[in-house]
Amino acid sequence: MSDCNYLKTVNDQYGHEYGDILLRVVANTLKEIFPEDCPVIRMGGDEFLILANETSEEKAAILIQKVQEKLREKSKEKIPLSLAMGSHTINDGPFSIDEAISEADRKMYENKKATRK
């Protein structure tokens, strides 16, 4: 699960057209980093859900780090690119997609709070 850190600031300071650019760059970056069989879904506003089959916690952490690095490379002075991200891995057995998303969302907000300090 991911949430854009600066969308509101960009919209307020530069206008919604710059916010739209930010969202497109973030979405394209997520699609670049995650394998083709991992859908990137815009959940609304500035949140994206990525479903990554057969991805361990370690691999998820590496992918998240790659996303952050690529966004830093693509950042411009007017449009800072940064995501709060959280993941949840299910190893086996039955699971609830709602619970999995909720856990990834919780970790994303922990990450968002940690980056604001």
Protein backbone atom coordinates (compact mmCIF):
# COMPACT_ATOMS: atom_id res chain seq x y z
CA MET A 1 0.00 0.00 0.00
CA SER A 2 1.34 3.47 -0.75
CA ASP A 3 0.35 7.08 -0.20
CA CYS A 4 1.93 10.15 -1.85
CA ASN A 5 3.60 12.31 0.78
CA TYR A 6 3.38 15.72 -0.91
CA LEU A 7 0.29 15.73 -3.14
CA LYS A 8 -1.68 18.26 -1.06
CA THR A 9 1.33 20.58 -0.83
CA VAL A 10 1.94 20.39 -4.58
CA ASN A 11 -1.76 21.00 -5.34
CA ASP A 12 -1.91 23.96 -2.94
CA GLN A 13 1.35 25.62 -4.06
CA TYR A 14 1.41 24.90 -7.80
CA GLY A 15 -2.09 23.79 -8.80
CA HIS A 16 -3.86 20.55 -9.53
CA GLU A 17 -2.20 20.13 -12.91
CA TYR A 18 1.13 19.64 -11.09
CA GLY A 19 -0.58 17.26 -8.67
CA ASP A 20 -1.79 15.27 -11.68
CA ILE A 21 1.79 15.13 -12.99
CA LEU A 22 2.95 13.87 -9.58
CA LEU A 23 0.33 11.09 -9.62
CA ARG A 24 1.25 10.03 -13.16
CA VAL A 25 4.97 9.92 -12.38
CA VAL A 26 4.34 7.90 -9.21
CA ALA A 27 2.03 5.44 -11.01
CA ASN A 28 4.51 4.99 -13.86
CA THR A 29 7.38 4.49 -11.40
CA LEU A 30 5.45 1.80 -9.54
CA LYS A 31 4.73 0.06 -12.85
CA GLU A 32 8.44 0.29 -13.79
CA ILE A 33 9.66 -1.29 -10.55
CA PHE A 34 7.09 -3.99 -9.89
CA PRO A 35 6.94 -7.04 -12.18
CA GLU A 36 4.36 -6.99 -14.97
CA ASP A 37 2.19 -9.57 -13.17
CA CYS A 38 1.82 -7.26 -10.13
CA PRO A 39 -1.17 -4.98 -10.69
CA VAL A 40 -0.79 -1.36 -9.53
CA ILE A 41 -4.23 -0.09 -8.53
CA ARG A 42 -5.12 3.51 -7.70
CA MET A 43 -7.37 3.24 -4.67
CA GLY A 44 -8.47 6.85 -4.86
CA GLY A 45 -6.88 10.18 -4.14
CA ASP A 46 -3.17 9.52 -3.77
CA GLU A 47 -3.21 5.92 -2.55
CA PHE A 48 -2.01 2.98 -4.62
CA LEU A 49 -2.34 -0.73 -3.89
CA ILE A 50 0.16 -3.16 -5.44
CA LEU A 51 -0.64 -6.87 -5.44
CA ALA A 52 2.55 -8.90 -5.64
CA ASN A 53 2.12 -12.67 -5.82
CA GLU A 54 4.90 -14.89 -4.51
CA THR A 55 6.77 -11.96 -2.96
CA SER A 56 8.51 -12.52 0.37
CA GLU A 57 8.80 -9.83 3.03
CA GLU A 58 12.46 -9.44 2.05
CA LYS A 59 11.66 -9.03 -1.64
CA ALA A 60 8.86 -6.57 -0.82
CA ALA A 61 11.33 -4.48 1.22
CA ILE A 62 13.78 -4.47 -1.70
CA LEU A 63 11.06 -3.40 -4.14
CA ILE A 64 9.94 -0.62 -1.78
CA GLN A 65 13.54 0.60 -1.50
CA LYS A 66 13.87 0.59 -5.31
CA VAL A 67 10.68 2.65 -5.62
CA GLN A 68 11.97 5.22 -3.11
CA GLU A 69 15.33 5.48 -4.89
CA LYS A 70 13.72 5.88 -8.32
CA LEU A 71 11.34 8.57 -6.99
CA ARG A 72 14.29 10.51 -5.50
CA GLU A 73 16.00 10.37 -8.90
CA LYS A 74 12.87 11.68 -10.64
CA SER A 75 12.10 14.43 -8.11
CA LYS A 76 12.12 18.02 -9.29
CA GLU A 77 12.36 21.12 -7.12
CA LYS A 78 8.68 21.94 -7.65
CA ILE A 79 7.49 18.36 -7.39
CA PRO A 80 9.07 16.28 -4.61
CA LEU A 81 8.33 12.60 -5.13
CA SER A 82 8.01 10.43 -2.05
CA LEU A 83 5.70 7.65 -0.94
CA ALA A 84 4.82 6.28 2.44
CA MET A 85 4.70 2.53 1.87
CA GLY A 86 3.66 -0.52 3.83
CA SER A 87 3.49 -4.18 2.95
CA HIS A 88 1.93 -7.34 4.30
CA THR A 89 2.98 -10.85 3.33
CA ILE A 90 0.77 -13.91 3.51
CA ASN A 91 2.77 -17.12 3.43
CA ASP A 92 0.10 -19.82 3.28
CA GLY A 93 -3.38 -20.82 4.27
CA PRO A 94 -6.64 -18.94 3.99
CA PHE A 95 -6.62 -15.18 4.30
CA SER A 96 -8.90 -12.19 4.03
CA ILE A 97 -7.97 -9.63 1.38
CA ASP A 98 -9.57 -6.94 3.55
CA GLU A 99 -7.37 -7.88 6.52
CA ALA A 100 -4.26 -8.01 4.30
CA ILE A 101 -4.97 -4.53 2.90
CA SER A 102 -5.74 -3.22 6.37
CA GLU A 103 -2.40 -4.49 7.72
CA ALA A 104 -0.44 -3.04 4.78
CA ASP A 105 -2.33 0.24 5.26
CA ARG A 106 -1.44 0.31 8.97
CA LYS A 107 2.25 -0.19 8.17
CA MET A 108 2.07 2.52 5.51
CA TYR A 109 0.75 5.02 8.06
CA GLU A 110 3.50 4.02 10.50
CA ASN A 111 5.99 4.76 7.72
CA LYS A 112 4.28 8.09 6.99
CA LYS A 113 4.53 9.15 10.67
CA ALA A 114 8.18 8.10 10.86
CA THR A 115 9.11 10.18 7.80
CA ARG A 116 7.49 13.32 9.25
CA LYS A 117 9.74 13.37 12.33
